[in-house]
Amino acid sequence: MADDDIYERLADMSAGHERTDTRPTTVIGVFRVADFDHWAAGYAKAVAADSALLGHRVWRSQDDPSTVMVAESFDSRSYAEAAWTHEATREAMARDGIDLTSLRYTFYDEVG
């Protein structure tokens, strides 16, 4: 399967997802990458393909440059869950060098 197919599937999921709530949600994900620059290039393509992603930030550990943390904001919990668990998302993560066994993510509400 061509690389672009992953981004097309992500874009289709974004456009076609029916939200079941309107609870703004931020997902914090932490994981290890094999090559940060390779991962960053793929991540840039993935976030560009997701028109429903409201915003994102990336941090890289000072003590272990292979450890990355991302924060992604969505307009609903249902969409955040769909975006993080979609088959194409997992494929893109693996292809971009994320060690999926290290992946941890949590859903957060903004307070105040």
PDB file of N, CA and C in Angstrom:
ATOM      1  N   MET A   1       0.843  -1.174   0.000  1.00  0.00           N
ATOM      2  CA  MET A   1       0.000   0.000   0.000  1.00  0.00           C
ATOM      3  C   MET A   1       0.885   1.233   0.000  1.00  0.00           C
ATOM      4  N   ALA A   2       0.559   2.209  -0.818  1.00  0.00           N
ATOM      5  CA  ALA A   2       1.343   3.429  -0.909  1.00  0.00           C
ATOM      6  C   ALA A   2       1.196   4.254   0.359  1.00  0.00           C
ATOM      7  N   ASP A   3       2.261   4.993   0.685  1.00  0.00           N
ATOM      8  CA  ASP A   3       2.238   5.837   1.881  1.00  0.00           C
ATOM      9  C   ASP A   3       1.059   6.802   1.871  1.00  0.00           C
ATOM     10  N   ASP A   4       0.768   7.403   0.701  1.00  0.00           N
ATOM     11  CA  ASP A   4      -0.301   8.383   0.626  1.00  0.00           C
ATOM     12  C   ASP A   4      -1.660   7.784   0.976  1.00  0.00           C
ATOM     13  N   ASP A   5      -1.830   6.482   0.773  1.00  0.00           N
ATOM     14  CA  ASP A   5      -3.087   5.845   1.128  1.00  0.00           C
ATOM     15  C   ASP A   5      -3.395   6.002   2.616  1.00  0.00           C
ATOM     16  N   ILE A   6      -2.376   5.957   3.448  1.00  0.00           N
ATOM     17  CA  ILE A   6      -2.582   6.128   4.883  1.00  0.00           C
ATOM     18  C   ILE A   6      -3.167   7.501   5.159  1.00  0.00           C
ATOM     19  N   TYR A   7      -2.610   8.526   4.550  1.00  0.00           N
ATOM     20  CA  TYR A   7      -3.091   9.883   4.784  1.00  0.00           C
ATOM     21  C   TYR A   7      -4.475  10.099   4.194  1.00  0.00           C
ATOM     22  N   GLU A   8      -4.771   9.451   3.076  1.00  0.00           N
ATOM     23  CA  GLU A   8      -6.115   9.524   2.509  1.00  0.00           C
ATOM     24  C   GLU A   8      -7.120   8.870   3.448  1.00  0.00           C
ATOM     25  N   ARG A   9      -6.743   7.735   4.031  1.00  0.00           N
ATOM     26  CA  ARG A   9      -7.643   7.068   4.975  1.00  0.00           C
ATOM     27  C   ARG A   9      -7.832   7.900   6.236  1.00  0.00           C
ATOM     28  N   LEU A  10      -6.779   8.577   6.687  1.00  0.00           N
ATOM     29  CA  LEU A  10      -6.921   9.465   7.842  1.00  0.00           C
ATOM     30  C   LEU A  10      -7.850  10.641   7.515  1.00  0.00           C
ATOM     31  N   ALA A  11      -7.679  11.214   6.340  1.00  0.00           N
ATOM     32  CA  ALA A  11      -8.540  12.327   5.921  1.00  0.00           C
ATOM     33  C   ALA A  11      -9.988  11.863   5.792  1.00  0.00           C
ATOM     34  N   ASP A  12     -10.208  10.674   5.232  1.00  0.00           N
ATOM     35  CA  ASP A  12     -11.564  10.138   5.103  1.00  0.00           C
ATOM     36  C   ASP A  12     -12.195   9.906   6.471  1.00  0.00           C
ATOM     37  N   MET A  13     -11.414   9.366   7.399  1.00  0.00           N
ATOM     38  CA  MET A  13     -11.924   9.147   8.751  1.00  0.00           C
ATOM     39  C   MET A  13     -12.298  10.478   9.381  1.00  0.00           C
ATOM     40  N   SER A  14     -11.461  11.475   9.211  1.00  0.00           N
ATOM     41  CA  SER A  14     -11.715  12.792   9.776  1.00  0.00           C
ATOM     42  C   SER A  14     -13.014  13.375   9.234  1.00  0.00           C
ATOM     43  N   ALA A  15     -13.187  13.301   7.927  1.00  0.00           N
ATOM     44  CA  ALA A  15     -14.370  13.876   7.288  1.00  0.00           C
ATOM     45  C   ALA A  15     -15.637  13.082   7.598  1.00  0.00           C
ATOM     46  N   GLY A  16     -15.509  11.768   7.771  1.00  0.00           N
ATOM     47  CA  GLY A  16     -16.681  10.925   7.908  1.00  0.00           C
ATOM     48  C   GLY A  16     -17.117  10.593   9.324  1.00  0.00           C
ATOM     49  N   HIS A  17     -16.303  10.952  10.316  1.00  0.00           N
ATOM     50  CA  HIS A  17     -16.647  10.576  11.694  1.00  0.00           C
ATOM     51  C   HIS A  17     -17.848  11.365  12.195  1.00  0.00           C
ATOM     52  N   GLU A  18     -18.820  10.660  12.757  1.00  0.00           N
ATOM     53  CA  GLU A  18     -19.975  11.318  13.371  1.00  0.00           C
ATOM     54  C   GLU A  18     -19.722  11.431  14.865  1.00  0.00           C
ATOM     55  N   ARG A  19     -19.599  12.653  15.324  1.00  0.00           N
ATOM     56  CA  ARG A  19     -19.319  12.881  16.736  1.00  0.00           C
ATOM     57  C   ARG A  19     -20.535  12.546  17.581  1.00  0.00           C
ATOM     58  N   THR A  20     -20.298  11.889  18.696  1.00  0.00           N
ATOM     59  CA  THR A  20     -21.395  11.524  19.586  1.00  0.00           C
ATOM     60  C   THR A  20     -21.424  12.423  20.815  1.00  0.00           C
ATOM     61  N   ASP A  21     -20.530  13.419  20.844  1.00  0.00           N
ATOM     62  CA  ASP A  21     -20.486  14.346  21.964  1.00  0.00           C
ATOM     63  C   ASP A  21     -19.821  15.632  21.502  1.00  0.00           C
ATOM     64  N   THR A  22     -19.841  16.634  22.353  1.00  0.00           N
ATOM     65  CA  THR A  22     -19.182  17.909  22.042  1.00  0.00           C
ATOM     66  C   THR A  22     -18.254  18.298  23.185  1.00  0.00           C
ATOM     67  N   ARG A  23     -17.595  17.327  23.730  1.00  0.00           N
ATOM     68  CA  ARG A  23     -16.704  17.540  24.875  1.00  0.00           C
ATOM     69  C   ARG A  23     -15.287  17.788  24.360  1.00  0.00           C
ATOM     70  N   PRO A  24     -14.820  19.050  24.358  1.00  0.00           N
ATOM     71  CA  PRO A  24     -13.458  19.304  23.896  1.00  0.00           C
ATOM     72  C   PRO A  24     -12.471  18.427  24.663  1.00  0.00           C
ATOM     73  N   THR A  25     -11.552  17.831  23.936  1.00  0.00           N
ATOM     74  CA  THR A  25     -10.637  16.848  24.525  1.00  0.00           C
ATOM     75  C   THR A  25      -9.228  17.078  24.009  1.00  0.00           C
ATOM     76  N   THR A  26      -8.277  16.977  24.922  1.00  0.00           N
ATOM     77  CA  THR A  26      -6.862  16.986  24.545  1.00  0.00           C
ATOM     78  C   THR A  26      -6.294  15.622  24.877  1.00  0.00           C
ATOM     79  N   VAL A  27      -5.555  15.074  23.934  1.00  0.00           N
ATOM     80  CA  VAL A  27      -4.893  13.793  24.138  1.00  0.00           C
ATOM     81  C   VAL A  27      -3.405  14.070  24.329  1.00  0.00           C
ATOM     82  N   ILE A  28      -2.863  13.517  25.409  1.00  0.00           N
ATOM     83  CA  ILE A  28      -1.420  13.567  25.636  1.00  0.00           C
ATOM     84  C   ILE A  28      -0.893  12.169  25.348  1.00  0.00           C
ATOM     85  N   GLY A  29       0.020  12.085  24.390  1.00  0.00           N
ATOM     86  CA  GLY A  29       0.634  10.810  24.034  1.00  0.00           C
ATOM     87  C   GLY A  29       2.135  10.864  24.285  1.00  0.00           C
ATOM     88  N   VAL A  30       2.668   9.787  24.833  1.00  0.00           N
ATOM     89  CA  VAL A  30       4.106   9.667  25.082  1.00  0.00           C
ATOM     90  C   VAL A  30       4.564   8.348  24.477  1.00  0.00           C
ATOM     91  N   PHE A  31       5.701   8.390  23.780  1.00  0.00           N
ATOM     92  CA  PHE A  31       6.193   7.190  23.109  1.00  0.00           C
ATOM     93  C   PHE A  31       7.658   7.371  22.753  1.00  0.00           C
ATOM     94  N   ARG A  32       8.263   6.266  22.342  1.00  0.00           N
ATOM     95  CA  ARG A  32       9.655   6.279  21.889  1.00  0.00           C
ATOM     96  C   ARG A  32       9.680   6.139  20.368  1.00  0.00           C
ATOM     97  N   VAL A  33      10.638   6.821  19.746  1.00  0.00           N
ATOM     98  CA  VAL A  33      10.809   6.746  18.302  1.00  0.00           C
ATOM     99  C   VAL A  33      12.214   6.262  17.977  1.00  0.00           C
ATOM    100  N   ALA A  34      12.341   5.568  16.856  1.00  0.00           N
ATOM    101  CA  ALA A  34      13.643   5.070  16.427  1.00  0.00           C
ATOM    102  C   ALA A  34      14.513   6.208  15.889  1.00  0.00           C
ATOM    103  N   ASP A  35      13.891   7.149  15.165  1.00  0.00           N
ATOM    104  CA  ASP A  35      14.607   8.250  14.531  1.00  0.00           C
ATOM    105  C   ASP A  35      13.683   9.464  14.575  1.00  0.00           C
ATOM    106  N   PHE A  36      14.018  10.452  15.380  1.00  0.00           N
ATOM    107  CA  PHE A  36      13.132  11.598  15.580  1.00  0.00           C
ATOM    108  C   PHE A  36      12.819  12.319  14.276  1.00  0.00           C
ATOM    109  N   ASP A  37      13.811  12.589  13.456  1.00  0.00           N
ATOM    110  CA  ASP A  37      13.586  13.330  12.218  1.00  0.00           C
ATOM    111  C   ASP A  37      12.653  12.581  11.270  1.00  0.00           C
ATOM    112  N   HIS A  38      12.828  11.268  11.175  1.00  0.00           N
ATOM    113  CA  HIS A  38      11.938  10.450  10.344  1.00  0.00           C
ATOM    114  C   HIS A  38      10.511  10.522  10.893  1.00  0.00           C
ATOM    115  N   TRP A  39      10.374  10.369  12.209  1.00  0.00           N
ATOM    116  CA  TRP A  39       9.042  10.441  12.821  1.00  0.00           C
ATOM    117  C   TRP A  39       8.419  11.819  12.581  1.00  0.00           C
ATOM    118  N   ALA A  40       9.181  12.885  12.782  1.00  0.00           N
ATOM    119  CA  ALA A  40       8.654  14.242  12.664  1.00  0.00           C
ATOM    120  C   ALA A  40       8.122  14.522  11.252  1.00  0.00           C
ATOM    121  N   ALA A  41       8.799  14.018  10.236  1.00  0.00           N
ATOM    122  CA  ALA A  41       8.333  14.213   8.858  1.00  0.00           C
ATOM    123  C   ALA A  41       6.990  13.514   8.643  1.00  0.00           C
ATOM    124  N   GLY A  42       6.860  12.297   9.135  1.00  0.00           N
ATOM    125  CA  GLY A  42       5.597  11.574   9.019  1.00  0.00           C
ATOM    126  C   GLY A  42       4.491  12.221   9.830  1.00  0.00           C
ATOM    127  N   TYR A  43       4.819  12.697  11.022  1.00  0.00           N
ATOM    128  CA  TYR A  43       3.824  13.349  11.883  1.00  0.00           C
ATOM    129  C   TYR A  43       3.291  14.611  11.209  1.00  0.00           C
ATOM    130  N   ALA A  44       4.164  15.375  10.573  1.00  0.00           N
ATOM    131  CA  ALA A  44       3.727  16.585   9.877  1.00  0.00           C
ATOM    132  C   ALA A  44       2.701  16.241   8.788  1.00  0.00           C
ATOM    133  N   LYS A  45       2.913  15.155   8.073  1.00  0.00           N
ATOM    134  CA  LYS A  45       1.956  14.729   7.045  1.00  0.00           C
ATOM    135  C   LYS A  45       0.646  14.287   7.681  1.00  0.00           C
ATOM    136  N   ALA A  46       0.736  13.568   8.790  1.00  0.00           N
ATOM    137  CA  ALA A  46      -0.472  13.061   9.447  1.00  0.00           C
ATOM    138  C   ALA A  46      -1.336  14.199   9.981  1.00  0.00           C
ATOM    139  N   VAL A  47      -0.738  15.184  10.643  1.00  0.00           N
ATOM    140  CA  VAL A  47      -1.553  16.278  11.181  1.00  0.00           C
ATOM    141  C   VAL A  47      -2.116  17.146  10.057  1.00  0.00           C
ATOM    142  N   ALA A  48      -1.393  17.246   8.947  1.00  0.00           N
ATOM    143  CA  ALA A  48      -1.913  18.001   7.802  1.00  0.00           C
ATOM    144  C   ALA A  48      -3.122  17.296   7.179  1.00  0.00           C
ATOM    145  N   ALA A  49      -3.168  15.978   7.269  1.00  0.00           N
ATOM    146  CA  ALA A  49      -4.268  15.210   6.683  1.00  0.00           C
ATOM    147  C   ALA A  49      -5.534  15.258   7.534  1.00  0.00           C
ATOM    148  N   ASP A  50      -5.403  15.660   8.799  1.00  0.00           N
ATOM    149  CA  ASP A  50      -6.548  15.632   9.712  1.00  0.00           C
ATOM    150  C   ASP A  50      -7.126  17.030   9.881  1.00  0.00           C
ATOM    151  N   SER A  51      -8.132  17.342   9.081  1.00  0.00           N
ATOM    152  CA  SER A  51      -8.727  18.685   9.115  1.00  0.00           C
ATOM    153  C   SER A  51      -9.484  18.956  10.412  1.00  0.00           C
ATOM    154  N   ALA A  52      -9.804  17.928  11.176  1.00  0.00           N
ATOM    155  CA  ALA A  52     -10.550  18.109  12.422  1.00  0.00           C
ATOM    156  C   ALA A  52      -9.645  18.290  13.641  1.00  0.00           C
ATOM    157  N   LEU A  53      -8.350  18.163  13.463  1.00  0.00           N
ATOM    158  CA  LEU A  53      -7.412  18.388  14.561  1.00  0.00           C
ATOM    159  C   LEU A  53      -7.343  19.885  14.811  1.00  0.00           C
ATOM    160  N   LEU A  54      -7.669  20.312  16.026  1.00  0.00           N
ATOM    161  CA  LEU A  54      -7.726  21.735  16.330  1.00  0.00           C
ATOM    162  C   LEU A  54      -6.353  22.335  16.608  1.00  0.00           C
ATOM    163  N   GLY A  55      -5.457  21.538  17.117  1.00  0.00           N
ATOM    164  CA  GLY A  55      -4.121  22.025  17.420  1.00  0.00           C
ATOM    165  C   GLY A  55      -3.260  20.897  17.943  1.00  0.00           C
ATOM    166  N   HIS A  56      -1.948  21.104  17.867  1.00  0.00           N
ATOM    167  CA  HIS A  56      -1.030  20.077  18.364  1.00  0.00           C
ATOM    168  C   HIS A  56       0.290  20.725  18.783  1.00  0.00           C
ATOM    169  N   ARG A  57       0.957  20.083  19.711  1.00  0.00           N
ATOM    170  CA  ARG A  57       2.288  20.500  20.166  1.00  0.00           C
ATOM    171  C   ARG A  57       3.128  19.253  20.349  1.00  0.00           C
ATOM    172  N   VAL A  58       4.431  19.418  20.204  1.00  0.00           N
ATOM    173  CA  VAL A  58       5.368  18.303  20.317  1.00  0.00           C
ATOM    174  C   VAL A  58       6.486  18.701  21.268  1.00  0.00           C
ATOM    175  N   TRP A  59       6.860  17.753  22.138  1.00  0.00           N
ATOM    176  CA  TRP A  59       8.008  17.914  23.022  1.00  0.00           C
ATOM    177  C   TRP A  59       8.931  16.720  22.843  1.00  0.00           C
ATOM    178  N   ARG A  60      10.207  16.967  23.017  1.00  0.00           N
ATOM    179  CA  ARG A  60      11.217  15.913  22.951  1.00  0.00           C
ATOM    180  C   ARG A  60      11.983  15.924  24.269  1.00  0.00           C
ATOM    181  N   SER A  61      12.153  14.759  24.852  1.00  0.00           N
ATOM    182  CA  SER A  61      12.808  14.658  26.161  1.00  0.00           C
ATOM    183  C   SER A  61      14.242  15.180  26.098  1.00  0.00           C
ATOM    184  N   GLN A  62      14.611  15.963  27.104  1.00  0.00           N
ATOM    185  CA  GLN A  62      15.983  16.438  27.225  1.00  0.00           C
ATOM    186  C   GLN A  62      16.921  15.305  27.621  1.00  0.00           C
ATOM    187  N   ASP A  63      16.411  14.379  28.407  1.00  0.00           N
ATOM    188  CA  ASP A  63      17.250  13.299  28.926  1.00  0.00           C
ATOM    189  C   ASP A  63      17.305  12.082  28.015  1.00  0.00           C
ATOM    190  N   ASP A  64      16.289  11.893  27.176  1.00  0.00           N
ATOM    191  CA  ASP A  64      16.248  10.765  26.249  1.00  0.00           C
ATOM    192  C   ASP A  64      15.613  11.243  24.946  1.00  0.00           C
ATOM    193  N   PRO A  65      16.404  11.692  23.975  1.00  0.00           N
ATOM    194  CA  PRO A  65      15.870  12.269  22.741  1.00  0.00           C
ATOM    195  C   PRO A  65      14.986  11.330  21.921  1.00  0.00           C
ATOM    196  N   SER A  66      14.951  10.058  22.273  1.00  0.00           N
ATOM    197  CA  SER A  66      14.061   9.122  21.593  1.00  0.00           C
ATOM    198  C   SER A  66      12.654   9.149  22.168  1.00  0.00           C
ATOM    199  N   THR A  67      12.463   9.839  23.272  1.00  0.00           N
ATOM    200  CA  THR A  67      11.146   9.934  23.897  1.00  0.00           C
ATOM    201  C   THR A  67      10.471  11.230  23.474  1.00  0.00           C
ATOM    202  N   VAL A  68       9.241  11.094  22.988  1.00  0.00           N
ATOM    203  CA  VAL A  68       8.475  12.215  22.458  1.00  0.00           C
ATOM    204  C   VAL A  68       7.138  12.280  23.182  1.00  0.00           C
ATOM    205  N   MET A  69       6.654  13.503  23.389  1.00  0.00           N
ATOM    206  CA  MET A  69       5.322  13.717  23.934  1.00  0.00           C
ATOM    207  C   MET A  69       4.587  14.649  22.981  1.00  0.00           C
ATOM    208  N   VAL A  70       3.346  14.303  22.668  1.00  0.00           N
ATOM    209  CA  VAL A  70       2.508  15.159  21.834  1.00  0.00           C
ATOM    210  C   VAL A  70       1.223  15.473  22.580  1.00  0.00           C
ATOM    211  N   ALA A  71       0.699  16.654  22.314  1.00  0.00           N
ATOM    212  CA  ALA A  71      -0.625  17.053  22.802  1.00  0.00           C
ATOM    213  C   ALA A  71      -1.442  17.420  21.572  1.00  0.00           C
ATOM    214  N   GLU A  72      -2.598  16.806  21.437  1.00  0.00           N
ATOM    215  CA  GLU A  72      -3.482  17.078  20.309  1.00  0.00           C
ATOM    216  C   GLU A  72      -4.869  17.433  20.838  1.00  0.00           C
ATOM    217  N   SER A  73      -5.445  18.522  20.302  1.00  0.00           N
ATOM    218  CA  SER A  73      -6.754  18.997  20.747  1.00  0.00           C
ATOM    219  C   SER A  73      -7.818  18.710  19.696  1.00  0.00           C
ATOM    220  N   PHE A  74      -8.963  18.236  20.192  1.00  0.00           N
ATOM    221  CA  PHE A  74     -10.085  17.855  19.342  1.00  0.00           C
ATOM    222  C   PHE A  74     -11.368  18.476  19.886  1.00  0.00           C
ATOM    223  N   ASP A  75     -12.398  18.563  19.054  1.00  0.00           N
ATOM    224  CA  ASP A  75     -13.663  19.150  19.495  1.00  0.00           C
ATOM    225  C   ASP A  75     -14.575  18.161  20.205  1.00  0.00           C
ATOM    226  N   SER A  76     -14.189  16.881  20.242  1.00  0.00           N
ATOM    227  CA  SER A  76     -15.013  15.898  20.942  1.00  0.00           C
ATOM    228  C   SER A  76     -14.167  14.708  21.384  1.00  0.00           C
ATOM    229  N   ARG A  77     -14.590  14.089  22.456  1.00  0.00           N
ATOM    230  CA  ARG A  77     -13.916  12.879  22.929  1.00  0.00           C
ATOM    231  C   ARG A  77     -14.083  11.758  21.909  1.00  0.00           C
ATOM    232  N   SER A  78     -15.269  11.655  21.311  1.00  0.00           N
ATOM    233  CA  SER A  78     -15.489  10.562  20.358  1.00  0.00           C
ATOM    234  C   SER A  78     -14.548  10.667  19.171  1.00  0.00           C
ATOM    235  N   TYR A  79     -14.297  11.888  18.699  1.00  0.00           N
ATOM    236  CA  TYR A  79     -13.375  12.032  17.577  1.00  0.00           C
ATOM    237  C   TYR A  79     -11.938  11.777  18.013  1.00  0.00           C
ATOM    238  N   ALA A  80     -11.563  12.229  19.190  1.00  0.00           N
ATOM    239  CA  ALA A  80     -10.207  11.986  19.698  1.00  0.00           C
ATOM    240  C   ALA A  80      -9.936  10.485  19.775  1.00  0.00           C
ATOM    241  N   GLU A  81     -10.896   9.740  20.298  1.00  0.00           N
ATOM    242  CA  GLU A  81     -10.733   8.287  20.384  1.00  0.00           C
ATOM    243  C   GLU A  81     -10.614   7.666  18.996  1.00  0.00           C
ATOM    244  N   ALA A  82     -11.460   8.112  18.082  1.00  0.00           N
ATOM    245  CA  ALA A  82     -11.411   7.573  16.725  1.00  0.00           C
ATOM    246  C   ALA A  82     -10.066   7.873  16.063  1.00  0.00           C
ATOM    247  N   ALA A  83      -9.571   9.084  16.244  1.00  0.00           N
ATOM    248  CA  ALA A  83      -8.309   9.476  15.619  1.00  0.00           C
ATOM    249  C   ALA A  83      -7.137   8.668  16.163  1.00  0.00           C
ATOM    250  N   TRP A  84      -7.119   8.402  17.454  1.00  0.00           N
ATOM    251  CA  TRP A  84      -5.991   7.699  18.066  1.00  0.00           C
ATOM    252  C   TRP A  84      -6.056   6.192  17.916  1.00  0.00           C
ATOM    253  N   THR A  85      -7.225   5.650  17.631  1.00  0.00           N
ATOM    254  CA  THR A  85      -7.338   4.196  17.546  1.00  0.00           C
ATOM    255  C   THR A  85      -7.571   3.695  16.124  1.00  0.00           C
ATOM    256  N   HIS A  86      -7.696   4.578  15.180  1.00  0.00           N
ATOM    257  CA  HIS A  86      -7.962   4.179  13.793  1.00  0.00           C
ATOM    258  C   HIS A  86      -6.818   3.323  13.258  1.00  0.00           C
ATOM    259  N   GLU A  87      -7.156   2.347  12.465  1.00  0.00           N
ATOM    260  CA  GLU A  87      -6.177   1.430  11.869  1.00  0.00           C
ATOM    261  C   GLU A  87      -5.089   2.190  11.092  1.00  0.00           C
ATOM    262  N   ALA A  88      -5.474   3.219  10.340  1.00  0.00           N
ATOM    263  CA  ALA A  88      -4.494   3.981   9.562  1.00  0.00           C
ATOM    264  C   ALA A  88      -3.554   4.755  10.483  1.00  0.00           C
ATOM    265  N   THR A  89      -4.060   5.217  11.620  1.00  0.00           N
ATOM    266  CA  THR A  89      -3.201   5.908  12.585  1.00  0.00           C
ATOM    267  C   THR A  89      -2.128   4.962  13.091  1.00  0.00           C
ATOM    268  N   ARG A  90      -2.524   3.760  13.460  1.00  0.00           N
ATOM    269  CA  ARG A  90      -1.562   2.766  13.954  1.00  0.00           C
ATOM    270  C   ARG A  90      -0.543   2.405  12.886  1.00  0.00           C
ATOM    271  N   GLU A  91      -1.008   2.254  11.654  1.00  0.00           N
ATOM    272  CA  GLU A  91      -0.078   1.956  10.556  1.00  0.00           C
ATOM    273  C   GLU A  91       0.928   3.088  10.378  1.00  0.00           C
ATOM    274  N   ALA A  92       0.429   4.320  10.406  1.00  0.00           N
ATOM    275  CA  ALA A  92       1.319   5.468  10.233  1.00  0.00           C
ATOM    276  C   ALA A  92       2.317   5.560  11.381  1.00  0.00           C
ATOM    277  N   MET A  93       1.855   5.316  12.600  1.00  0.00           N
ATOM    278  CA  MET A  93       2.757   5.349  13.755  1.00  0.00           C
ATOM    279  C   MET A  93       3.885   4.330  13.601  1.00  0.00           C
ATOM    280  N   ALA A  94       3.519   3.124  13.239  1.00  0.00           N
ATOM    281  CA  ALA A  94       4.523   2.069  13.081  1.00  0.00           C
ATOM    282  C   ALA A  94       5.483   2.408  11.945  1.00  0.00           C
ATOM    283  N   ARG A  95       4.950   2.863  10.839  1.00  0.00           N
ATOM    284  CA  ARG A  95       5.783   3.210   9.689  1.00  0.00           C
ATOM    285  C   ARG A  95       6.734   4.367  10.007  1.00  0.00           C
ATOM    286  N   ASP A  96       6.274   5.287  10.850  1.00  0.00           N
ATOM    287  CA  ASP A  96       7.092   6.446  11.201  1.00  0.00           C
ATOM    288  C   ASP A  96       8.102   6.150  12.310  1.00  0.00           C
ATOM    289  N   GLY A  97       8.127   4.905  12.782  1.00  0.00           N
ATOM    290  CA  GLY A  97       9.164   4.499  13.724  1.00  0.00           C
ATOM    291  C   GLY A  97       8.794   4.582  15.193  1.00  0.00           C
ATOM    292  N   ILE A  98       7.503   4.700  15.503  1.00  0.00           N
ATOM    293  CA  ILE A  98       7.088   4.680  16.906  1.00  0.00           C
ATOM    294  C   ILE A  98       7.136   3.243  17.407  1.00  0.00           C
ATOM    295  N   ASP A  99       7.735   3.051  18.556  1.00  0.00           N
ATOM    296  CA  ASP A  99       7.708   1.762  19.233  1.00  0.00           C
ATOM    297  C   ASP A  99       6.328   1.646  19.878  1.00  0.00           C
ATOM    298  N   LEU A 100       5.424   0.931  19.246  1.00  0.00           N
ATOM    299  CA  LEU A 100       4.040   0.867  19.721  1.00  0.00           C
ATOM    300  C   LEU A 100       3.919   0.266  21.108  1.00  0.00           C
ATOM    301  N   THR A 101       4.902  -0.532  21.531  1.00  0.00           N
ATOM    302  CA  THR A 101       4.840  -1.074  22.895  1.00  0.00           C
ATOM    303  C   THR A 101       5.110   0.013  23.934  1.00  0.00           C
ATOM    304  N   SER A 102       5.691   1.132  23.512  1.00  0.00           N
ATOM    305  CA  SER A 102       5.976   2.226  24.443  1.00  0.00           C
ATOM    306  C   SER A 102       4.859   3.262  24.469  1.00  0.00           C
ATOM    307  N   LEU A 103       3.920   3.180  23.549  1.00  0.00           N
ATOM    308  CA  LEU A 103       2.880   4.192  23.393  1.00  0.00           C
ATOM    309  C   LEU A 103       1.912   4.204  24.571  1.00  0.00           C
ATOM    310  N   ARG A 104       1.769   5.385  25.166  1.00  0.00           N
ATOM    311  CA  ARG A 104       0.783   5.613  26.230  1.00  0.00           C
ATOM    312  C   ARG A 104       0.071   6.912  25.906  1.00  0.00           C
ATOM    313  N   TYR A 105      -1.251   6.923  26.033  1.00  0.00           N
ATOM    314  CA  TYR A 105      -1.978   8.165  25.811  1.00  0.00           C
ATOM    315  C   TYR A 105      -3.164   8.248  26.756  1.00  0.00           C
ATOM    316  N   THR A 106      -3.514   9.496  27.083  1.00  0.00           N
ATOM    317  CA  THR A 106      -4.583   9.773  28.025  1.00  0.00           C
ATOM    318  C   THR A 106      -5.408  10.942  27.500  1.00  0.00           C
ATOM    319  N   PHE A 107      -6.709  10.915  27.764  1.00  0.00           N
ATOM    320  CA  PHE A 107      -7.636  11.957  27.333  1.00  0.00           C
ATOM    321  C   PHE A 107      -7.857  12.928  28.495  1.00  0.00           C
ATOM    322  N   TYR A 108      -7.808  14.232  28.204  1.00  0.00           N
ATOM    323  CA  TYR A 108      -7.926  15.254  29.242  1.00  0.00           C
ATOM    324  C   TYR A 108      -8.980  16.292  28.890  1.00  0.00           C
ATOM    325  N   ASP A 109      -9.634  16.823  29.949  1.00  0.00           N
ATOM    326  CA  ASP A 109     -10.519  17.977  29.841  1.00  0.00           C
ATOM    327  C   ASP A 109      -9.714  19.201  30.258  1.00  0.00           C
ATOM    328  N   GLU A 110      -9.981  20.330  29.621  1.00  0.00           N
ATOM    329  CA  GLU A 110      -9.380  21.582  30.067  1.00  0.00           C
ATOM    330  C   GLU A 110     -10.146  22.066  31.297  1.00  0.00           C
ATOM    331  N   VAL A 111      -9.417  22.569  32.258  1.00  0.00           N
ATOM    332  CA  VAL A 111     -10.041  23.066  33.482  1.00  0.00           C
ATOM    333  C   VAL A 111      -9.678  24.543  33.635  1.00  0.00           C
ATOM    334  N   GLY A 112     -10.682  25.357  33.910  1.00  0.00           N
ATOM    335  CA  GLY A 112     -10.428  26.778  34.149  1.00  0.00           C
ATOM    336  C   GLY A 112     -10.293  27.505  32.911  1.00  0.00           C
TER     337      GLY A 112
END
